[in-house]
Amino acid sequence: FKFQTIDFDIIFKLILFPIFLILFRS
């Protein structure tokens, strides 16, 4: 789509949840 940027902020947000799920269990 020739977008000029990638939204890294939302990627951070989406990754945080599964990270904390796995981390807290551990």
PDB file of all heavy atoms in Angstrom:
ATOM      1  N   PHE A   1       0.796  -1.220   0.000  1.00  0.00           N
ATOM      2  CA  PHE A   1       0.000   0.000   0.000  1.00  0.00           C
ATOM      3  C   PHE A   1       0.837   1.283   0.000  1.00  0.00           C
ATOM      4  O   PHE A   1       0.300   2.385   0.067  1.00  0.00           O
ATOM      5  CB  PHE A   1      -0.947   0.006   1.211  1.00  0.00           C
ATOM      6  CG  PHE A   1      -1.887  -1.165   1.244  1.00  0.00           C
ATOM      7  CD1 PHE A   1      -1.810  -2.105   2.254  1.00  0.00           C
ATOM      8  CD2 PHE A   1      -2.850  -1.332   0.249  1.00  0.00           C
ATOM      9  CE1 PHE A   1      -2.677  -3.191   2.287  1.00  0.00           C
ATOM     10  CE2 PHE A   1      -3.723  -2.417   0.276  1.00  0.00           C
ATOM     11  CZ  PHE A   1      -3.627  -3.349   1.299  1.00  0.00           C
ATOM     12  N   LYS A   2       2.169   1.128  -0.033  1.00  0.00           N
ATOM     13  CA  LYS A   2       3.098   2.274  -0.118  1.00  0.00           C
ATOM     14  C   LYS A   2       3.006   3.202   1.098  1.00  0.00           C
ATOM     15  O   LYS A   2       3.200   4.414   0.974  1.00  0.00           O
ATOM     16  CB  LYS A   2       2.841   3.101  -1.398  1.00  0.00           C
ATOM     17  CG  LYS A   2       2.786   2.275  -2.690  1.00  0.00           C
ATOM     18  CD  LYS A   2       4.083   1.529  -2.945  1.00  0.00           C
ATOM     19  CE  LYS A   2       3.996   0.725  -4.244  1.00  0.00           C
ATOM     20  NZ  LYS A   2       5.197  -0.113  -4.475  1.00  0.00           N
ATOM     21  N   PHE A   3       2.669   2.623   2.281  1.00  0.00           N
ATOM     22  CA  PHE A   3       2.658   3.448   3.485  1.00  0.00           C
ATOM     23  C   PHE A   3       4.083   3.846   3.843  1.00  0.00           C
ATOM     24  O   PHE A   3       5.031   3.089   3.643  1.00  0.00           O
ATOM     25  CB  PHE A   3       2.019   2.696   4.661  1.00  0.00           C
ATOM     26  CG  PHE A   3       0.555   2.395   4.458  1.00  0.00           C
ATOM     27  CD1 PHE A   3       0.044   1.134   4.702  1.00  0.00           C
ATOM     28  CD2 PHE A   3      -0.312   3.391   4.013  1.00  0.00           C
ATOM     29  CE1 PHE A   3      -1.301   0.862   4.509  1.00  0.00           C
ATOM     30  CE2 PHE A   3      -1.648   3.127   3.819  1.00  0.00           C
ATOM     31  CZ  PHE A   3      -2.146   1.860   4.065  1.00  0.00           C
ATOM     32  N   GLN A   4       4.229   5.010   4.420  1.00  0.00           N
ATOM     33  CA  GLN A   4       5.559   5.539   4.708  1.00  0.00           C
ATOM     34  C   GLN A   4       6.108   5.103   6.064  1.00  0.00           C
ATOM     35  O   GLN A   4       7.302   5.182   6.310  1.00  0.00           O
ATOM     36  CB  GLN A   4       5.527   7.075   4.641  1.00  0.00           C
ATOM     37  CG  GLN A   4       5.146   7.602   3.268  1.00  0.00           C
ATOM     38  CD  GLN A   4       6.084   7.126   2.168  1.00  0.00           C
ATOM     39  OE1 GLN A   4       7.296   7.257   2.295  1.00  0.00           O
ATOM     40  NE2 GLN A   4       5.524   6.557   1.111  1.00  0.00           N
ATOM     41  N   THR A   5       5.221   4.670   6.951  1.00  0.00           N
ATOM     42  CA  THR A   5       5.675   4.304   8.289  1.00  0.00           C
ATOM     43  C   THR A   5       5.017   3.006   8.758  1.00  0.00           C
ATOM     44  O   THR A   5       3.960   2.611   8.263  1.00  0.00           O
ATOM     45  CB  THR A   5       5.336   5.405   9.318  1.00  0.00           C
ATOM     46  OG1 THR A   5       3.921   5.616   9.331  1.00  0.00           O
ATOM     47  CG2 THR A   5       6.058   6.694   8.980  1.00  0.00           C
ATOM     48  N   ILE A   6       5.659   2.336   9.722  1.00  0.00           N
ATOM     49  CA  ILE A   6       5.104   1.181  10.401  1.00  0.00           C
ATOM     50  C   ILE A   6       4.818   1.606  11.838  1.00  0.00           C
ATOM     51  O   ILE A   6       5.668   2.214  12.492  1.00  0.00           O
ATOM     52  CB  ILE A   6       6.091  -0.012  10.382  1.00  0.00           C
ATOM     53  CG1 ILE A   6       6.341  -0.476   8.941  1.00  0.00           C
ATOM     54  CG2 ILE A   6       5.558  -1.174  11.214  1.00  0.00           C
ATOM     55  CD1 ILE A   6       7.403  -1.548   8.815  1.00  0.00           C
ATOM     56  N   ASP A   7       3.624   1.293  12.333  1.00  0.00           N
ATOM     57  CA  ASP A   7       3.239   1.713  13.677  1.00  0.00           C
ATOM     58  C   ASP A   7       3.852   0.764  14.713  1.00  0.00           C
ATOM     59  O   ASP A   7       3.255  -0.240  15.103  1.00  0.00           O
ATOM     60  CB  ASP A   7       1.709   1.727  13.801  1.00  0.00           C
ATOM     61  CG  ASP A   7       1.240   2.445  15.064  1.00  0.00           C
ATOM     62  OD1 ASP A   7       2.062   2.590  15.983  1.00  0.00           O
ATOM     63  OD2 ASP A   7       0.070   2.856  15.115  1.00  0.00           O
ATOM     64  N   PHE A   8       5.067   1.094  15.163  1.00  0.00           N
ATOM     65  CA  PHE A   8       5.748   0.251  16.134  1.00  0.00           C
ATOM     66  C   PHE A   8       5.081   0.318  17.508  1.00  0.00           C
ATOM     67  O   PHE A   8       5.144  -0.642  18.280  1.00  0.00           O
ATOM     68  CB  PHE A   8       7.219   0.664  16.260  1.00  0.00           C
ATOM     69  CG  PHE A   8       8.037   0.332  15.039  1.00  0.00           C
ATOM     70  CD1 PHE A   8       8.363   1.305  14.114  1.00  0.00           C
ATOM     71  CD2 PHE A   8       8.460  -0.968  14.810  1.00  0.00           C
ATOM     72  CE1 PHE A   8       9.101   1.002  12.991  1.00  0.00           C
ATOM     73  CE2 PHE A   8       9.205  -1.289  13.694  1.00  0.00           C
ATOM     74  CZ  PHE A   8       9.541  -0.307  12.769  1.00  0.00           C
ATOM     75  N   ASP A   9       4.433   1.438  17.809  1.00  0.00           N
ATOM     76  CA  ASP A   9       3.813   1.609  19.122  1.00  0.00           C
ATOM     77  C   ASP A   9       2.733   0.569  19.364  1.00  0.00           C
ATOM     78  O   ASP A   9       2.645  -0.017  20.446  1.00  0.00           O
ATOM     79  CB  ASP A   9       3.241   3.021  19.244  1.00  0.00           C
ATOM     80  CG  ASP A   9       2.795   3.324  20.665  1.00  0.00           C
ATOM     81  OD1 ASP A   9       3.602   3.128  21.583  1.00  0.00           O
ATOM     82  OD2 ASP A   9       1.645   3.751  20.852  1.00  0.00           O
ATOM     83  N   ILE A  10       1.880   0.317  18.365  1.00  0.00           N
ATOM     84  CA  ILE A  10       0.818  -0.667  18.556  1.00  0.00           C
ATOM     85  C   ILE A  10       1.394  -2.077  18.585  1.00  0.00           C
ATOM     86  O   ILE A  10       0.877  -2.963  19.274  1.00  0.00           O
ATOM     87  CB  ILE A  10      -0.279  -0.548  17.465  1.00  0.00           C
ATOM     88  CG1 ILE A  10      -1.466  -1.445  17.823  1.00  0.00           C
ATOM     89  CG2 ILE A  10       0.255  -0.905  16.085  1.00  0.00           C
ATOM     90  CD1 ILE A  10      -2.088  -1.155  19.179  1.00  0.00           C
ATOM     91  N   ILE A  11       2.489  -2.302  17.884  1.00  0.00           N
ATOM     92  CA  ILE A  11       3.146  -3.612  17.946  1.00  0.00           C
ATOM     93  C   ILE A  11       3.663  -3.853  19.361  1.00  0.00           C
ATOM     94  O   ILE A  11       3.521  -4.954  19.911  1.00  0.00           O
ATOM     95  CB  ILE A  11       4.293  -3.712  16.909  1.00  0.00           C
ATOM     96  CG1 ILE A  11       3.705  -3.686  15.487  1.00  0.00           C
ATOM     97  CG2 ILE A  11       5.113  -4.986  17.113  1.00  0.00           C
ATOM     98  CD1 ILE A  11       4.737  -3.661  14.390  1.00  0.00           C
ATOM     99  N   PHE A  12       4.240  -2.808  19.987  1.00  0.00           N
ATOM    100  CA  PHE A  12       4.662  -2.909  21.382  1.00  0.00           C
ATOM    101  C   PHE A  12       3.482  -3.329  22.258  1.00  0.00           C
ATOM    102  O   PHE A  12       3.595  -4.223  23.093  1.00  0.00           O
ATOM    103  CB  PHE A  12       5.198  -1.563  21.886  1.00  0.00           C
ATOM    104  CG  PHE A  12       6.550  -1.191  21.344  1.00  0.00           C
ATOM    105  CD1 PHE A  12       7.051   0.091  21.511  1.00  0.00           C
ATOM    106  CD2 PHE A  12       7.335  -2.112  20.667  1.00  0.00           C
ATOM    107  CE1 PHE A  12       8.303   0.445  21.023  1.00  0.00           C
ATOM    108  CE2 PHE A  12       8.586  -1.772  20.168  1.00  0.00           C
ATOM    109  CZ  PHE A  12       9.068  -0.487  20.347  1.00  0.00           C
ATOM    110  N   LYS A  13       2.344  -2.638  22.070  1.00  0.00           N
ATOM    111  CA  LYS A  13       1.173  -2.902  22.900  1.00  0.00           C
ATOM    112  C   LYS A  13       0.675  -4.336  22.733  1.00  0.00           C
ATOM    113  O   LYS A  13       0.354  -5.019  23.713  1.00  0.00           O
ATOM    114  CB  LYS A  13       0.037  -1.934  22.538  1.00  0.00           C
ATOM    115  CG  LYS A  13       0.221  -0.517  23.057  1.00  0.00           C
ATOM    116  CD  LYS A  13      -1.015   0.302  22.759  1.00  0.00           C
ATOM    117  CE  LYS A  13      -0.900   1.710  23.334  1.00  0.00           C
ATOM    118  NZ  LYS A  13      -2.123   2.497  23.105  1.00  0.00           N
ATOM    119  N   LEU A  14       0.590  -4.783  21.492  1.00  0.00           N
ATOM    120  CA  LEU A  14       0.070  -6.126  21.228  1.00  0.00           C
ATOM    121  C   LEU A  14       0.994  -7.213  21.758  1.00  0.00           C
ATOM    122  O   LEU A  14       0.537  -8.270  22.192  1.00  0.00           O
ATOM    123  CB  LEU A  14      -0.161  -6.316  19.724  1.00  0.00           C
ATOM    124  CG  LEU A  14      -1.287  -5.478  19.097  1.00  0.00           C
ATOM    125  CD1 LEU A  14      -1.338  -5.689  17.597  1.00  0.00           C
ATOM    126  CD2 LEU A  14      -2.631  -5.839  19.726  1.00  0.00           C
ATOM    127  N   ILE A  15       2.289  -6.964  21.737  1.00  0.00           N
ATOM    128  CA  ILE A  15       3.253  -7.953  22.198  1.00  0.00           C
ATOM    129  C   ILE A  15       3.297  -8.024  23.725  1.00  0.00           C
ATOM    130  O   ILE A  15       3.542  -9.084  24.307  1.00  0.00           O
ATOM    131  CB  ILE A  15       4.666  -7.643  21.640  1.00  0.00           C
ATOM    132  CG1 ILE A  15       4.669  -7.752  20.118  1.00  0.00           C
ATOM    133  CG2 ILE A  15       5.704  -8.588  22.230  1.00  0.00           C
ATOM    134  CD1 ILE A  15       4.278  -9.125  19.596  1.00  0.00           C
ATOM    135  N   LEU A  16       3.050  -6.898  24.402  1.00  0.00           N
ATOM    136  CA  LEU A  16       3.137  -6.854  25.861  1.00  0.00           C
ATOM    137  C   LEU A  16       2.212  -7.864  26.540  1.00  0.00           C
ATOM    138  O   LEU A  16       2.593  -8.504  27.532  1.00  0.00           O
ATOM    139  CB  LEU A  16       2.804  -5.447  26.363  1.00  0.00           C
ATOM    140  CG  LEU A  16       3.958  -4.457  26.465  1.00  0.00           C
ATOM    141  CD1 LEU A  16       3.437  -3.074  26.836  1.00  0.00           C
ATOM    142  CD2 LEU A  16       4.990  -4.906  27.487  1.00  0.00           C
ATOM    143  N   PHE A  17       0.996  -8.009  26.028  1.00  0.00           N
ATOM    144  CA  PHE A  17       0.017  -8.885  26.674  1.00  0.00           C
ATOM    145  C   PHE A  17       0.471 -10.352  26.689  1.00  0.00           C
ATOM    146  O   PHE A  17       0.569 -10.958  27.771  1.00  0.00           O
ATOM    147  CB  PHE A  17      -1.342  -8.701  26.014  1.00  0.00           C
ATOM    148  CG  PHE A  17      -2.454  -9.506  26.623  1.00  0.00           C
ATOM    149  CD1 PHE A  17      -2.390  -9.942  27.938  1.00  0.00           C
ATOM    150  CD2 PHE A  17      -3.583  -9.829  25.884  1.00  0.00           C
ATOM    151  CE1 PHE A  17      -3.417 -10.681  28.502  1.00  0.00           C
ATOM    152  CE2 PHE A  17      -4.613 -10.564  26.430  1.00  0.00           C
ATOM    153  CZ  PHE A  17      -4.527 -11.000  27.737  1.00  0.00           C
ATOM    154  N   PRO A  18       0.751 -10.971  25.529  1.00  0.00           N
ATOM    155  CA  PRO A  18       1.218 -12.369  25.572  1.00  0.00           C
ATOM    156  C   PRO A  18       2.536 -12.533  26.325  1.00  0.00           C
ATOM    157  O   PRO A  18       2.764 -13.565  26.957  1.00  0.00           O
ATOM    158  CB  PRO A  18       1.366 -12.753  24.094  1.00  0.00           C
ATOM    159  CG  PRO A  18       1.355 -11.483  23.331  1.00  0.00           C
ATOM    160  CD  PRO A  18       0.564 -10.508  24.136  1.00  0.00           C
ATOM    161  N   ILE A  19       3.391 -11.515  26.279  1.00  0.00           N
ATOM    162  CA  ILE A  19       4.646 -11.573  27.033  1.00  0.00           C
ATOM    163  C   ILE A  19       4.357 -11.686  28.526  1.00  0.00           C
ATOM    164  O   ILE A  19       4.913 -12.539  29.226  1.00  0.00           O
ATOM    165  CB  ILE A  19       5.515 -10.322  26.760  1.00  0.00           C
ATOM    166  CG1 ILE A  19       6.310 -10.499  25.476  1.00  0.00           C
ATOM    167  CG2 ILE A  19       6.478 -10.062  27.910  1.00  0.00           C
ATOM    168  CD1 ILE A  19       7.190  -9.315  25.144  1.00  0.00           C
ATOM    169  N   PHE A  20       3.477 -10.817  29.031  1.00  0.00           N
ATOM    170  CA  PHE A  20       3.154 -10.849  30.454  1.00  0.00           C
ATOM    171  C   PHE A  20       2.404 -12.130  30.833  1.00  0.00           C
ATOM    172  O   PHE A  20       2.576 -12.650  31.942  1.00  0.00           O
ATOM    173  CB  PHE A  20       2.332  -9.622  30.853  1.00  0.00           C
ATOM    174  CG  PHE A  20       3.162  -8.434  31.240  1.00  0.00           C
ATOM    175  CD1 PHE A  20       2.996  -7.207  30.611  1.00  0.00           C
ATOM    176  CD2 PHE A  20       4.119  -8.534  32.238  1.00  0.00           C
ATOM    177  CE1 PHE A  20       3.766  -6.102  30.974  1.00  0.00           C
ATOM    178  CE2 PHE A  20       4.895  -7.441  32.598  1.00  0.00           C
ATOM    179  CZ  PHE A  20       4.722  -6.225  31.969  1.00  0.00           C
ATOM    180  N   LEU A  21       1.564 -12.640  29.932  1.00  0.00           N
ATOM    181  CA  LEU A  21       0.871 -13.903  30.194  1.00  0.00           C
ATOM    182  C   LEU A  21       1.874 -15.017  30.470  1.00  0.00           C
ATOM    183  O   LEU A  21       1.773 -15.748  31.469  1.00  0.00           O
ATOM    184  CB  LEU A  21       0.004 -14.285  28.983  1.00  0.00           C
ATOM    185  CG  LEU A  21      -1.416 -13.748  28.909  1.00  0.00           C
ATOM    186  CD1 LEU A  21      -2.012 -14.031  27.538  1.00  0.00           C
ATOM    187  CD2 LEU A  21      -2.290 -14.365  29.997  1.00  0.00           C
ATOM    188  N   ILE A  22       2.847 -15.154  29.582  1.00  0.00           N
ATOM    189  CA  ILE A  22       3.847 -16.210  29.690  1.00  0.00           C
ATOM    190  C   ILE A  22       4.807 -15.939  30.846  1.00  0.00           C
ATOM    191  O   ILE A  22       5.161 -16.843  31.612  1.00  0.00           O
ATOM    192  CB  ILE A  22       4.619 -16.347  28.359  1.00  0.00           C
ATOM    193  CG1 ILE A  22       3.662 -16.812  27.254  1.00  0.00           C
ATOM    194  CG2 ILE A  22       5.791 -17.319  28.490  1.00  0.00           C
ATOM    195  CD1 ILE A  22       4.216 -16.685  25.852  1.00  0.00           C
ATOM    196  N   LEU A  23       5.204 -14.687  30.995  1.00  0.00           N
ATOM    197  CA  LEU A  23       6.153 -14.308  32.038  1.00  0.00           C
ATOM    198  C   LEU A  23       5.559 -14.523  33.431  1.00  0.00           C
ATOM    199  O   LEU A  23       6.224 -15.102  34.310  1.00  0.00           O
ATOM    200  CB  LEU A  23       6.557 -12.847  31.874  1.00  0.00           C
ATOM    201  CG  LEU A  23       7.487 -12.270  32.952  1.00  0.00           C
ATOM    202  CD1 LEU A  23       8.841 -12.949  32.905  1.00  0.00           C
ATOM    203  CD2 LEU A  23       7.641 -10.759  32.775  1.00  0.00           C
ATOM    204  N   PHE A  24       4.318 -14.085  33.649  1.00  0.00           N
ATOM    205  CA  PHE A  24       3.724 -14.195  34.980  1.00  0.00           C
ATOM    206  C   PHE A  24       3.517 -15.659  35.359  1.00  0.00           C
ATOM    207  O   PHE A  24       3.726 -16.039  36.523  1.00  0.00           O
ATOM    208  CB  PHE A  24       2.399 -13.435  35.040  1.00  0.00           C
ATOM    209  CG  PHE A  24       1.886 -13.236  36.432  1.00  0.00           C
ATOM    210  CD1 PHE A  24       2.468 -12.284  37.255  1.00  0.00           C
ATOM    211  CD2 PHE A  24       0.851 -13.999  36.929  1.00  0.00           C
ATOM    212  CE1 PHE A  24       2.021 -12.107  38.564  1.00  0.00           C
ATOM    213  CE2 PHE A  24       0.395 -13.834  38.225  1.00  0.00           C
ATOM    214  CZ  PHE A  24       0.983 -12.887  39.044  1.00  0.00           C
ATOM    215  N   ARG A  25       3.126 -16.478  34.396  1.00  0.00           N
ATOM    216  CA  ARG A  25       2.996 -17.917  34.666  1.00  0.00           C
ATOM    217  C   ARG A  25       4.334 -18.500  35.091  1.00  0.00           C
ATOM    218  O   ARG A  25       4.417 -19.280  36.049  1.00  0.00           O
ATOM    219  CB  ARG A  25       2.483 -18.646  33.427  1.00  0.00           C
ATOM    220  CG  ARG A  25       2.348 -20.165  33.602  1.00  0.00           C
ATOM    221  CD  ARG A  25       1.908 -20.842  32.328  1.00  0.00           C
ATOM    222  NE  ARG A  25       2.903 -20.701  31.271  1.00  0.00           N
ATOM    223  CZ  ARG A  25       2.717 -21.130  30.018  1.00  0.00           C
ATOM    224  NH1 ARG A  25       1.564 -21.694  29.678  1.00  0.00           N
ATOM    225  NH2 ARG A  25       3.663 -20.970  29.115  1.00  0.00           N
ATOM    226  N   SER A  26       5.390 -18.102  34.391  1.00  0.00           N
ATOM    227  CA  SER A  26       6.726 -18.599  34.713  1.00  0.00           C
ATOM    228  C   SER A  26       7.181 -18.112  36.091  1.00  0.00           C
ATOM    229  O   SER A  26       7.808 -18.863  36.851  1.00  0.00           O
ATOM    230  CB  SER A  26       7.724 -18.145  33.639  1.00  0.00           C
ATOM    231  OG  SER A  26       9.020 -18.615  33.936  1.00  0.00           O
TER     232      SER A  26
END
